[in-house]
Amino acid sequence: MSDVTPDAVTPDAEDLKIITLARSTRARVAASEGAAVRDETGRTYTAAAVALPSLRLSALRLAVAMAVSSGAQKLEAAALVSDAELDPGDLAVVRDLGPDATVFHAAPDGTLRATLTVS
C-alpha cells in the first residue's frame, strides 16, 4: 500500500483557488464537507458530500469521479474542507488518479489543517 506523507508545501495561488472552491461548494449547499480537485490541464472540479437515504458519497470521492467522468487523466492537487478527519478511502481515490497529488485539508474557515502527499 502507498504511503500518505505529511508535507510542508505552502499552497500557491492555484492551490488556494481549489481550497476556496471547496469552501464555497460546501457552504452553498450547507454540506458537511466540500472538495475540489485540479487535473493535469488545470481544470477544476468541485463537489459537496451527498447524504441521501440510498446514496452516500464523500465530497472528495465525488469530485474525483466528476474529474474522471469529464476525461481527466491525472490529478495534480485536491482540497477537502471539513471538520472531520481525512478518510483513508478518500485518499486512496485521489491516489488512483493522482499518485503524486498534494491534498490540502482545510477547516470550514479556510485554516489549513494538513497538507499531504498521497504517493
Protein backbone atom coordinates (compact mmCIF):
# COMPACT_ATOMS: atom_id res chain seq x y z
CA MET A 1 0.00 0.00 0.00
CA SER A 2 1.21 3.51 -0.77
CA ASP A 3 2.12 5.96 1.92
CA VAL A 4 0.48 9.18 2.91
CA THR A 5 3.16 11.67 3.85
CA PRO A 6 2.67 14.94 5.73
CA ASP A 7 4.05 17.67 3.54
CA ALA A 8 5.36 21.14 4.32
CA VAL A 9 4.21 22.55 0.96
CA THR A 10 2.90 26.09 1.18
CA PRO A 11 -0.18 26.45 -1.01
CA ASP A 12 0.39 28.59 -4.12
CA ALA A 13 -2.28 30.69 -5.83
CA GLU A 14 -3.73 27.70 -7.71
CA ASP A 15 -3.87 25.64 -4.52
CA LEU A 16 -5.60 28.47 -2.65
CA LYS A 17 -8.11 28.59 -5.50
CA ILE A 18 -9.17 24.96 -5.02
CA ILE A 19 -9.39 25.46 -1.25
CA THR A 20 -11.67 28.46 -1.85
CA LEU A 21 -13.76 26.50 -4.35
CA ALA A 22 -14.14 23.64 -1.87
CA ARG A 23 -15.19 26.06 0.87
CA SER A 24 -17.79 27.78 -1.31
CA THR A 25 -19.18 24.48 -2.60
CA ARG A 26 -19.62 23.24 0.96
CA ALA A 27 -21.23 26.49 2.08
CA ARG A 28 -23.56 26.76 -0.93
CA VAL A 29 -25.45 23.59 -0.02
CA ALA A 30 -24.69 23.52 3.73
CA ALA A 31 -22.95 20.16 3.33
CA SER A 32 -20.72 18.50 5.89
CA GLU A 33 -17.78 18.76 3.51
CA GLY A 34 -16.75 20.28 0.20
CA ALA A 35 -13.94 19.31 -2.14
CA ALA A 36 -12.19 20.47 -5.26
CA VAL A 37 -9.61 18.76 -7.45
CA ARG A 38 -7.34 20.10 -10.20
CA ASP A 39 -6.40 17.94 -13.18
CA GLU A 40 -3.30 17.91 -15.36
CA THR A 41 -4.70 20.63 -17.64
CA GLY A 42 -5.60 22.98 -14.78
CA ARG A 43 -9.34 22.29 -14.91
CA THR A 44 -11.09 22.14 -11.55
CA TYR A 45 -13.98 20.01 -10.38
CA THR A 46 -15.93 20.64 -7.19
CA ALA A 47 -18.37 18.60 -5.16
CA ALA A 48 -20.17 18.53 -1.85
CA ALA A 49 -20.87 15.47 0.24
CA VAL A 50 -24.05 13.63 -0.72
CA ALA A 51 -26.15 12.11 2.06
CA LEU A 52 -29.32 10.57 0.67
CA PRO A 53 -31.10 7.56 2.16
CA SER A 54 -29.89 5.36 -0.69
CA LEU A 55 -26.63 7.12 -1.65
CA ARG A 56 -23.73 8.39 0.42
CA LEU A 57 -20.67 9.91 -1.23
CA SER A 58 -17.89 11.94 0.29
CA ALA A 59 -17.12 15.25 -1.37
CA LEU A 60 -13.61 14.18 -2.33
CA ARG A 61 -14.73 10.89 -3.92
CA LEU A 62 -17.42 12.72 -5.88
CA ALA A 63 -15.02 15.43 -7.08
CA VAL A 64 -12.60 12.74 -8.31
CA ALA A 65 -15.47 10.90 -10.01
CA MET A 66 -16.55 14.11 -11.74
CA ALA A 67 -12.99 14.68 -12.98
CA VAL A 68 -12.75 11.12 -14.32
CA SER A 69 -16.15 11.32 -16.00
CA SER A 70 -15.03 14.54 -17.69
CA GLY A 71 -11.91 12.92 -19.12
CA ALA A 72 -9.22 13.87 -16.63
CA GLN A 73 -6.19 11.62 -16.86
CA LYS A 74 -4.30 12.79 -13.77
CA LEU A 75 -4.82 14.88 -10.66
CA GLU A 76 -2.30 17.47 -9.56
CA ALA A 77 -3.97 18.54 -6.32
CA ALA A 78 -7.06 18.11 -4.18
CA ALA A 79 -8.63 20.12 -1.40
CA LEU A 80 -11.08 18.95 1.24
CA VAL A 81 -12.90 21.33 3.57
CA SER A 82 -14.29 19.52 6.57
CA ASP A 83 -14.38 19.41 10.34
CA ALA A 84 -13.81 15.66 10.19
CA GLU A 85 -10.52 13.82 9.86
CA LEU A 86 -9.35 12.70 6.43
CA ASP A 87 -10.78 9.34 5.39
CA PRO A 88 -8.16 6.84 4.14
CA GLY A 89 -10.64 5.75 1.45
CA ASP A 90 -10.82 9.31 0.13
CA LEU A 91 -7.04 9.46 -0.04
CA ALA A 92 -6.98 6.15 -1.92
CA VAL A 93 -9.35 7.56 -4.55
CA VAL A 94 -7.11 10.60 -5.02
CA ARG A 95 -4.09 8.29 -5.28
CA ASP A 96 -5.80 6.29 -8.07
CA LEU A 97 -5.76 9.32 -10.37
CA GLY A 98 -3.02 11.39 -8.79
CA PRO A 99 -0.26 9.26 -7.31
CA ASP A 100 1.84 12.40 -6.75
CA ALA A 101 -1.03 14.72 -5.89
CA THR A 102 -0.95 17.02 -2.90
CA VAL A 103 -4.05 17.01 -0.70
CA PHE A 104 -4.90 20.13 1.26
CA HIS A 105 -7.23 19.55 4.22
CA ALA A 106 -8.80 22.77 5.47
CA ALA A 107 -11.25 23.70 8.18
CA PRO A 108 -14.52 25.40 7.15
CA ASP A 109 -12.97 28.81 7.91
CA GLY A 110 -10.16 28.07 5.44
CA THR A 111 -7.47 27.36 8.02
CA LEU A 112 -5.16 24.71 6.65
CA ARG A 113 -5.34 21.62 8.87
CA ALA A 114 -2.96 19.37 6.95
CA THR A 115 -1.06 19.07 3.69
CA LEU A 116 -0.36 15.54 2.47
CA THR A 117 1.23 13.79 -0.46
CA VAL A 118 -0.51 10.53 -1.33
CA SER A 119 2.36 8.84 -3.16
